[in-house]
N, C-alpha and C. Protein backbone atom coordinates (compact mmCIF):
# COMPACT_ATOMS: atom_id res chain seq x y z
N MET A 1 -25.74 -1.07 1.34
CA MET A 1 -26.09 -1.06 -0.08
C MET A 1 -26.54 0.33 -0.50
N LYS A 2 -26.45 0.53 -1.76
CA LYS A 2 -26.80 1.82 -2.34
C LYS A 2 -28.31 2.04 -2.26
N THR A 3 -28.68 3.25 -1.89
CA THR A 3 -30.11 3.60 -1.87
C THR A 3 -30.40 4.49 -3.06
N GLU A 4 -31.67 4.65 -3.37
CA GLU A 4 -32.06 5.50 -4.49
C GLU A 4 -31.69 6.96 -4.26
N LEU A 5 -31.56 7.36 -3.00
CA LEU A 5 -31.23 8.74 -2.69
C LEU A 5 -29.75 9.07 -2.89
N MET A 6 -28.94 8.05 -2.93
CA MET A 6 -27.50 8.27 -3.08
C MET A 6 -27.13 8.37 -4.55
N GLU A 7 -26.28 9.31 -4.85
CA GLU A 7 -25.72 9.39 -6.19
C GLU A 7 -24.59 8.38 -6.30
N ASP A 8 -24.27 7.98 -7.52
CA ASP A 8 -23.20 7.02 -7.73
C ASP A 8 -21.89 7.48 -7.10
N LYS A 9 -21.55 8.76 -7.25
CA LYS A 9 -20.29 9.26 -6.72
C LYS A 9 -20.26 9.13 -5.19
N GLN A 10 -21.37 9.47 -4.55
CA GLN A 10 -21.42 9.36 -3.08
C GLN A 10 -21.29 7.90 -2.66
N TYR A 11 -21.99 7.03 -3.36
CA TYR A 11 -21.93 5.61 -3.03
C TYR A 11 -20.52 5.06 -3.20
N ILE A 12 -19.89 5.37 -4.33
CA ILE A 12 -18.55 4.86 -4.60
C ILE A 12 -17.57 5.39 -3.55
N PHE A 13 -17.66 6.67 -3.23
CA PHE A 13 -16.78 7.26 -2.23
C PHE A 13 -16.91 6.51 -0.90
N GLY A 14 -18.14 6.33 -0.45
CA GLY A 14 -18.38 5.63 0.81
C GLY A 14 -17.99 4.16 0.74
N ALA A 15 -18.26 3.54 -0.40
CA ALA A 15 -17.93 2.12 -0.56
C ALA A 15 -16.42 1.91 -0.51
N ILE A 16 -15.66 2.80 -1.13
CA ILE A 16 -14.19 2.67 -1.10
C ILE A 16 -13.69 2.74 0.34
N LEU A 17 -14.21 3.69 1.12
CA LEU A 17 -13.79 3.81 2.52
C LEU A 17 -14.19 2.58 3.32
N THR A 18 -15.40 2.08 3.09
CA THR A 18 -15.88 0.90 3.80
C THR A 18 -15.06 -0.33 3.43
N ILE A 19 -14.80 -0.49 2.13
CA ILE A 19 -13.99 -1.63 1.67
C ILE A 19 -12.60 -1.57 2.27
N ALA A 20 -12.00 -0.38 2.27
CA ALA A 20 -10.65 -0.23 2.85
C ALA A 20 -10.65 -0.63 4.32
N ASN A 21 -11.65 -0.17 5.07
CA ASN A 21 -11.72 -0.51 6.50
C ASN A 21 -11.91 -2.01 6.72
N ARG A 22 -12.82 -2.60 5.96
CA ARG A 22 -13.09 -4.04 6.13
C ARG A 22 -11.89 -4.88 5.71
N MET A 23 -11.25 -4.51 4.60
CA MET A 23 -10.07 -5.25 4.16
C MET A 23 -8.96 -5.15 5.20
N ASP A 24 -8.77 -3.95 5.74
CA ASP A 24 -7.73 -3.75 6.75
C ASP A 24 -8.01 -4.62 7.97
N THR A 25 -9.25 -4.63 8.44
CA THR A 25 -9.62 -5.43 9.61
C THR A 25 -9.40 -6.92 9.36
N LEU A 26 -9.89 -7.41 8.22
CA LEU A 26 -9.74 -8.84 7.92
C LEU A 26 -8.28 -9.22 7.69
N LEU A 27 -7.54 -8.37 7.02
CA LEU A 27 -6.14 -8.65 6.76
C LEU A 27 -5.33 -8.63 8.05
N GLU A 28 -5.64 -7.70 8.95
CA GLU A 28 -4.97 -7.68 10.26
C GLU A 28 -5.17 -9.01 10.98
N ARG A 29 -6.39 -9.55 10.93
CA ARG A 29 -6.67 -10.83 11.57
C ARG A 29 -5.86 -11.96 10.93
N GLU A 30 -5.81 -11.95 9.59
CA GLU A 30 -5.06 -12.99 8.87
C GLU A 30 -3.57 -12.92 9.18
N LEU A 31 -3.03 -11.72 9.27
CA LEU A 31 -1.59 -11.55 9.45
C LEU A 31 -1.13 -11.67 10.90
N LYS A 32 -2.08 -11.58 11.83
CA LYS A 32 -1.74 -11.59 13.26
C LYS A 32 -0.91 -12.81 13.64
N GLU A 33 -1.28 -13.96 13.13
CA GLU A 33 -0.55 -15.19 13.50
C GLU A 33 0.90 -15.17 13.00
N PHE A 34 1.18 -14.33 12.02
CA PHE A 34 2.54 -14.22 11.50
C PHE A 34 3.31 -13.07 12.16
N GLY A 35 2.65 -12.33 13.06
CA GLY A 35 3.30 -11.26 13.79
C GLY A 35 3.63 -10.04 12.95
N ILE A 36 2.75 -9.75 11.99
CA ILE A 36 2.99 -8.61 11.10
C ILE A 36 1.68 -7.85 10.93
N THR A 37 1.78 -6.55 10.70
CA THR A 37 0.58 -5.74 10.52
C THR A 37 0.30 -5.52 9.03
N THR A 38 -0.90 -5.02 8.75
CA THR A 38 -1.27 -4.71 7.38
C THR A 38 -0.31 -3.69 6.77
N LYS A 39 0.04 -2.68 7.54
CA LYS A 39 0.95 -1.65 7.03
C LYS A 39 2.33 -2.23 6.72
N GLN A 40 2.80 -3.13 7.57
CA GLN A 40 4.09 -3.77 7.32
C GLN A 40 4.02 -4.65 6.08
N TRP A 41 2.94 -5.38 5.94
CA TRP A 41 2.74 -6.22 4.76
C TRP A 41 2.70 -5.36 3.50
N PHE A 42 1.93 -4.26 3.54
CA PHE A 42 1.77 -3.39 2.38
C PHE A 42 3.11 -2.77 1.98
N LEU A 43 3.86 -2.28 2.95
CA LEU A 43 5.16 -1.69 2.66
C LEU A 43 6.07 -2.71 1.99
N SER A 44 6.07 -3.92 2.49
CA SER A 44 6.89 -4.98 1.90
C SER A 44 6.48 -5.27 0.47
N MET A 45 5.18 -5.33 0.23
CA MET A 45 4.69 -5.61 -1.13
C MET A 45 5.10 -4.50 -2.09
N ILE A 46 4.99 -3.26 -1.65
CA ILE A 46 5.37 -2.12 -2.50
C ILE A 46 6.85 -2.21 -2.86
N ILE A 47 7.68 -2.45 -1.86
CA ILE A 47 9.12 -2.53 -2.09
C ILE A 47 9.45 -3.67 -3.06
N ASP A 48 8.83 -4.81 -2.84
CA ASP A 48 9.14 -5.99 -3.62
C ASP A 48 8.61 -5.92 -5.05
N TYR A 49 7.40 -5.41 -5.22
CA TYR A 49 6.75 -5.46 -6.53
C TYR A 49 6.96 -4.23 -7.41
N LEU A 50 7.17 -3.07 -6.82
CA LEU A 50 7.22 -1.85 -7.63
C LEU A 50 8.62 -1.33 -7.94
N PHE A 51 9.63 -1.89 -7.30
CA PHE A 51 10.97 -1.36 -7.49
C PHE A 51 11.94 -2.46 -7.89
N GLU A 52 12.77 -2.17 -8.88
CA GLU A 52 13.76 -3.14 -9.33
C GLU A 52 14.98 -3.16 -8.42
N LYS A 53 15.32 -2.01 -7.83
CA LYS A 53 16.43 -1.94 -6.88
C LYS A 53 15.88 -1.36 -5.58
N PRO A 54 16.60 -1.55 -4.48
CA PRO A 54 16.09 -1.04 -3.20
C PRO A 54 15.76 0.46 -3.28
N PRO A 55 14.50 0.79 -3.00
CA PRO A 55 14.07 2.20 -3.10
C PRO A 55 14.47 3.01 -1.87
N THR A 56 14.40 4.31 -2.03
CA THR A 56 14.61 5.21 -0.90
C THR A 56 13.29 5.33 -0.14
N MET A 57 13.37 5.80 1.08
CA MET A 57 12.14 6.02 1.85
C MET A 57 11.25 7.03 1.13
N LYS A 58 11.87 8.05 0.56
CA LYS A 58 11.13 9.08 -0.15
C LYS A 58 10.37 8.50 -1.34
N GLU A 59 11.02 7.61 -2.08
CA GLU A 59 10.37 6.97 -3.23
C GLU A 59 9.16 6.14 -2.79
N VAL A 60 9.33 5.39 -1.72
CA VAL A 60 8.23 4.56 -1.22
C VAL A 60 7.10 5.43 -0.69
N ALA A 61 7.45 6.46 0.06
CA ALA A 61 6.43 7.36 0.62
C ALA A 61 5.60 7.98 -0.51
N LYS A 62 6.27 8.41 -1.57
CA LYS A 62 5.57 9.00 -2.70
C LYS A 62 4.64 7.99 -3.36
N GLU A 63 5.12 6.77 -3.52
CA GLU A 63 4.34 5.72 -4.19
C GLU A 63 3.07 5.37 -3.43
N ILE A 64 3.15 5.34 -2.10
CA ILE A 64 1.98 4.93 -1.32
C ILE A 64 1.18 6.10 -0.77
N GLY A 65 1.65 7.32 -1.05
CA GLY A 65 0.92 8.50 -0.59
C GLY A 65 1.00 8.69 0.91
N SER A 66 2.18 8.45 1.46
CA SER A 66 2.38 8.57 2.90
C SER A 66 3.55 9.50 3.16
N SER A 67 3.77 9.80 4.43
CA SER A 67 4.90 10.65 4.78
C SER A 67 6.17 9.81 4.95
N HIS A 68 7.29 10.47 4.81
CA HIS A 68 8.59 9.84 5.02
C HIS A 68 8.65 9.25 6.42
N GLN A 69 8.14 10.00 7.41
CA GLN A 69 8.18 9.55 8.80
C GLN A 69 7.34 8.29 9.02
N ASN A 70 6.16 8.22 8.41
CA ASN A 70 5.33 7.01 8.55
C ASN A 70 6.02 5.80 7.94
N VAL A 71 6.61 5.99 6.77
CA VAL A 71 7.33 4.88 6.13
C VAL A 71 8.48 4.43 7.01
N LYS A 72 9.20 5.39 7.59
CA LYS A 72 10.34 5.06 8.44
C LYS A 72 9.90 4.24 9.65
N GLN A 73 8.79 4.63 10.28
CA GLN A 73 8.30 3.90 11.45
C GLN A 73 7.97 2.44 11.11
N VAL A 74 7.28 2.24 9.98
CA VAL A 74 6.92 0.88 9.57
C VAL A 74 8.18 0.11 9.19
N ALA A 75 9.08 0.76 8.47
CA ALA A 75 10.32 0.11 8.04
C ALA A 75 11.16 -0.33 9.24
N LEU A 76 11.21 0.50 10.27
CA LEU A 76 11.98 0.15 11.47
C LEU A 76 11.40 -1.09 12.15
N LYS A 77 10.08 -1.21 12.16
CA LYS A 77 9.43 -2.39 12.75
C LYS A 77 9.80 -3.64 11.94
N LEU A 78 9.80 -3.51 10.60
CA LEU A 78 10.18 -4.64 9.76
C LEU A 78 11.65 -5.00 9.96
N GLN A 79 12.48 -3.98 10.18
CA GLN A 79 13.89 -4.23 10.43
C GLN A 79 14.07 -5.00 11.74
N GLU A 80 13.31 -4.64 12.77
CA GLU A 80 13.37 -5.34 14.06
C GLU A 80 13.04 -6.82 13.89
N LYS A 81 12.15 -7.13 12.94
CA LYS A 81 11.73 -8.50 12.71
C LYS A 81 12.68 -9.23 11.75
N GLY A 82 13.68 -8.52 11.25
CA GLY A 82 14.64 -9.14 10.33
C GLY A 82 14.13 -9.25 8.90
N LEU A 83 13.05 -8.54 8.58
CA LEU A 83 12.44 -8.65 7.25
C LEU A 83 12.86 -7.54 6.30
N LEU A 84 13.64 -6.58 6.80
CA LEU A 84 14.03 -5.43 5.99
C LEU A 84 15.31 -4.85 6.57
N THR A 85 16.14 -4.29 5.71
CA THR A 85 17.29 -3.55 6.21
C THR A 85 17.21 -2.12 5.69
N LEU A 86 17.66 -1.20 6.51
CA LEU A 86 17.74 0.20 6.13
C LEU A 86 19.22 0.49 5.91
N GLU A 87 19.56 0.79 4.66
CA GLU A 87 20.95 0.97 4.31
C GLU A 87 21.18 2.37 3.75
N LYS A 88 22.28 2.97 4.16
CA LYS A 88 22.66 4.28 3.62
C LYS A 88 23.06 4.10 2.16
N ASP A 89 22.63 5.02 1.32
CA ASP A 89 22.98 5.00 -0.09
C ASP A 89 24.49 5.18 -0.25
N LYS A 90 25.07 4.43 -1.17
CA LYS A 90 26.52 4.50 -1.37
C LYS A 90 26.96 5.84 -1.94
N LYS A 91 26.09 6.48 -2.71
CA LYS A 91 26.44 7.76 -3.34
C LYS A 91 26.06 8.97 -2.50
N ASP A 92 25.05 8.82 -1.65
CA ASP A 92 24.56 9.94 -0.84
C ASP A 92 24.17 9.43 0.54
N ALA A 93 24.99 9.67 1.54
CA ALA A 93 24.78 9.15 2.89
C ALA A 93 23.52 9.70 3.56
N ARG A 94 22.95 10.78 3.00
CA ARG A 94 21.70 11.33 3.57
C ARG A 94 20.49 10.48 3.20
N VAL A 95 20.66 9.64 2.19
CA VAL A 95 19.56 8.83 1.65
C VAL A 95 19.61 7.43 2.24
N THR A 96 18.44 6.95 2.69
CA THR A 96 18.32 5.59 3.22
C THR A 96 17.51 4.75 2.25
N ARG A 97 18.06 3.59 1.91
CA ARG A 97 17.37 2.66 1.01
C ARG A 97 16.78 1.50 1.82
N LEU A 98 15.65 1.01 1.34
CA LEU A 98 14.94 -0.09 2.00
C LEU A 98 15.18 -1.36 1.20
N LYS A 99 15.74 -2.36 1.87
CA LYS A 99 16.11 -3.59 1.17
C LYS A 99 15.51 -4.80 1.87
N MET A 100 14.84 -5.62 1.09
CA MET A 100 14.28 -6.86 1.62
C MET A 100 15.43 -7.80 1.99
N THR A 101 15.23 -8.60 3.03
CA THR A 101 16.26 -9.56 3.45
C THR A 101 15.93 -10.95 2.93
N GLU A 102 16.90 -11.83 3.00
CA GLU A 102 16.66 -13.23 2.62
C GLU A 102 15.56 -13.81 3.51
N GLN A 103 15.60 -13.45 4.79
CA GLN A 103 14.58 -13.93 5.74
C GLN A 103 13.20 -13.48 5.30
N SER A 104 13.10 -12.27 4.76
CA SER A 104 11.79 -11.77 4.34
C SER A 104 11.24 -12.58 3.17
N TYR A 105 12.11 -12.95 2.23
CA TYR A 105 11.65 -13.74 1.10
C TYR A 105 11.13 -15.10 1.55
N LYS A 106 11.80 -15.70 2.52
CA LYS A 106 11.34 -16.98 3.07
C LYS A 106 10.01 -16.79 3.80
N PHE A 107 9.90 -15.69 4.53
CA PHE A 107 8.67 -15.37 5.27
C PHE A 107 7.50 -15.21 4.29
N TRP A 108 7.72 -14.43 3.23
CA TRP A 108 6.63 -14.16 2.28
C TRP A 108 6.26 -15.41 1.50
N GLU A 109 7.23 -16.27 1.24
CA GLU A 109 6.95 -17.53 0.54
C GLU A 109 6.01 -18.39 1.40
N LYS A 110 6.25 -18.35 2.71
CA LYS A 110 5.42 -19.12 3.66
C LYS A 110 3.99 -18.56 3.72
N THR A 111 3.85 -17.23 3.64
CA THR A 111 2.52 -16.62 3.77
C THR A 111 1.79 -16.46 2.44
N GLN A 112 2.49 -16.67 1.33
CA GLN A 112 1.92 -16.46 -0.01
C GLN A 112 0.61 -17.21 -0.26
N PRO A 113 0.51 -18.49 0.08
CA PRO A 113 -0.76 -19.20 -0.18
C PRO A 113 -1.96 -18.53 0.49
N ARG A 114 -1.78 -18.04 1.71
CA ARG A 114 -2.87 -17.36 2.41
C ARG A 114 -3.22 -16.04 1.73
N ALA A 115 -2.19 -15.34 1.24
CA ALA A 115 -2.42 -14.06 0.55
C ALA A 115 -3.20 -14.28 -0.73
N VAL A 116 -2.85 -15.31 -1.46
CA VAL A 116 -3.56 -15.63 -2.71
C VAL A 116 -5.02 -15.98 -2.40
N GLU A 117 -5.24 -16.78 -1.38
CA GLU A 117 -6.60 -17.16 -0.98
C GLU A 117 -7.41 -15.92 -0.58
N PHE A 118 -6.81 -15.05 0.21
CA PHE A 118 -7.48 -13.82 0.65
C PHE A 118 -7.88 -12.98 -0.56
N THR A 119 -6.94 -12.78 -1.47
CA THR A 119 -7.21 -11.97 -2.67
C THR A 119 -8.30 -12.60 -3.53
N GLU A 120 -8.22 -13.90 -3.72
CA GLU A 120 -9.23 -14.59 -4.52
C GLU A 120 -10.62 -14.43 -3.90
N ASN A 121 -10.70 -14.50 -2.58
CA ASN A 121 -11.99 -14.34 -1.90
C ASN A 121 -12.53 -12.92 -2.04
N VAL A 122 -11.65 -11.92 -1.98
CA VAL A 122 -12.09 -10.53 -2.13
C VAL A 122 -12.69 -10.30 -3.52
N PHE A 123 -12.07 -10.90 -4.54
CA PHE A 123 -12.50 -10.67 -5.92
C PHE A 123 -13.39 -11.78 -6.48
N LYS A 124 -13.88 -12.65 -5.61
CA LYS A 124 -14.73 -13.77 -6.01
C LYS A 124 -15.96 -13.26 -6.79
N ASP A 125 -16.29 -13.94 -7.87
CA ASP A 125 -17.48 -13.66 -8.69
C ASP A 125 -17.45 -12.30 -9.38
N ILE A 126 -16.29 -11.71 -9.52
CA ILE A 126 -16.16 -10.45 -10.26
C ILE A 126 -15.51 -10.78 -11.59
N GLU A 127 -16.22 -10.45 -12.66
CA GLU A 127 -15.74 -10.78 -14.01
C GLU A 127 -14.51 -9.99 -14.38
N LYS A 128 -13.69 -10.57 -15.26
CA LYS A 128 -12.45 -9.94 -15.72
C LYS A 128 -12.72 -8.56 -16.32
N GLU A 129 -13.79 -8.42 -17.09
CA GLU A 129 -14.13 -7.13 -17.71
C GLU A 129 -14.47 -6.08 -16.65
N ASP A 130 -15.16 -6.50 -15.60
CA ASP A 130 -15.50 -5.57 -14.52
C ASP A 130 -14.25 -5.12 -13.77
N LEU A 131 -13.31 -6.04 -13.58
CA LEU A 131 -12.05 -5.68 -12.94
C LEU A 131 -11.28 -4.67 -13.79
N ALA A 132 -11.29 -4.88 -15.10
CA ALA A 132 -10.59 -3.95 -16.00
C ALA A 132 -11.21 -2.56 -15.93
N ARG A 133 -12.55 -2.49 -15.93
CA ARG A 133 -13.23 -1.19 -15.83
C ARG A 133 -12.94 -0.53 -14.47
N ALA A 134 -12.97 -1.32 -13.43
CA ALA A 134 -12.69 -0.78 -12.09
C ALA A 134 -11.26 -0.25 -12.01
N SER A 135 -10.33 -0.94 -12.65
CA SER A 135 -8.94 -0.49 -12.65
C SER A 135 -8.81 0.87 -13.31
N VAL A 136 -9.52 1.08 -14.41
CA VAL A 136 -9.47 2.36 -15.11
C VAL A 136 -10.02 3.47 -14.22
N VAL A 137 -11.13 3.22 -13.58
CA VAL A 137 -11.75 4.22 -12.70
C VAL A 137 -10.82 4.55 -11.53
N LEU A 138 -10.28 3.52 -10.90
CA LEU A 138 -9.39 3.75 -9.75
C LEU A 138 -8.13 4.50 -10.16
N GLU A 139 -7.58 4.18 -11.32
CA GLU A 139 -6.40 4.89 -11.81
C GLU A 139 -6.71 6.37 -12.01
N LYS A 140 -7.87 6.67 -12.57
CA LYS A 140 -8.27 8.07 -12.77
C LYS A 140 -8.47 8.77 -11.43
N MET A 141 -9.05 8.07 -10.48
CA MET A 141 -9.23 8.66 -9.15
C MET A 141 -7.88 8.95 -8.50
N LEU A 142 -6.93 8.03 -8.64
CA LEU A 142 -5.60 8.25 -8.08
C LEU A 142 -4.92 9.46 -8.74
N LEU A 143 -5.07 9.59 -10.04
CA LEU A 143 -4.51 10.75 -10.74
C LEU A 143 -5.16 12.04 -10.25
N ASN A 144 -6.46 12.03 -10.08
CA ASN A 144 -7.17 13.20 -9.58
C ASN A 144 -6.70 13.57 -8.18
N LEU A 145 -6.52 12.57 -7.34
CA LEU A 145 -6.05 12.83 -5.98
C LEU A 145 -4.63 13.40 -5.99
N THR A 146 -3.80 12.92 -6.89
CA THR A 146 -2.44 13.46 -7.00
C THR A 146 -2.49 14.92 -7.43
N GLU A 147 -3.35 15.23 -8.41
CA GLU A 147 -3.50 16.63 -8.83
C GLU A 147 -4.00 17.50 -7.69
N MET A 148 -4.96 17.00 -6.92
CA MET A 148 -5.49 17.75 -5.78
C MET A 148 -4.39 18.01 -4.75
N LYS A 149 -3.58 16.99 -4.49
CA LYS A 149 -2.47 17.12 -3.54
C LYS A 149 -1.48 18.17 -4.02
N ASN A 150 -1.13 18.11 -5.29
CA ASN A 150 -0.17 19.06 -5.85
C ASN A 150 -0.69 20.49 -5.79
N ARG A 151 -1.96 20.68 -6.11
CA ARG A 151 -2.55 22.03 -6.02
C ARG A 151 -2.54 22.53 -4.58
N ASN A 152 -2.86 21.65 -3.65
CA ASN A 152 -2.87 22.00 -2.24
C ASN A 152 -1.47 22.40 -1.78
N GLU A 153 -0.46 21.64 -2.19
CA GLU A 153 0.92 21.98 -1.82
C GLU A 153 1.36 23.30 -2.43
N GLU A 154 0.91 23.58 -3.66
CA GLU A 154 1.23 24.85 -4.30
C GLU A 154 0.63 26.01 -3.52
N ARG A 155 -0.61 25.85 -3.07
CA ARG A 155 -1.27 26.89 -2.27
C ARG A 155 -0.52 27.14 -0.98
N ILE A 156 -0.08 26.07 -0.35
CA ILE A 156 0.65 26.20 0.91
C ILE A 156 1.98 26.91 0.67
N ASP A 157 2.67 26.54 -0.40
CA ASP A 157 3.95 27.17 -0.73
C ASP A 157 3.80 28.66 -1.04
N GLN A 158 2.67 29.03 -1.63
CA GLN A 158 2.43 30.42 -2.00
C GLN A 158 2.00 31.28 -0.81
N ALA A 159 1.52 30.62 0.23
CA ALA A 159 1.03 31.36 1.41
C ALA A 159 2.13 31.94 2.24
């Protein structure tokens, strides 16, 4: 819990890291029986919810703030499980697209009730207005982090 000595920014920073770690740990436990990891689940959710057509690895990596190589490693594991296919782009063979399989949709349909329960428990007793305010703050933080990343890359390019 927050102490009087901590500033709000310090508390929020630490709380976000703690929440991320705890959610990851609990979600790993929930998903273990289905033979999937949190990273595999997250990648699948991003592909399914954020893209209308099968995205490229580069598009997914950019969206989740990860490297192309990390996305590829997780995608290959999902492909081994039959939950994803990696397909060469028809227009550019250098580009690989990530496509959910029919098996993956059946798999996610089976796990959906548990995911809804998990999410509801995480956000239990949090008012709609508080969620809206938190969304605004998190969106601003994500924008700030993107700006920081871009400035850092510019510095590296100039060096």
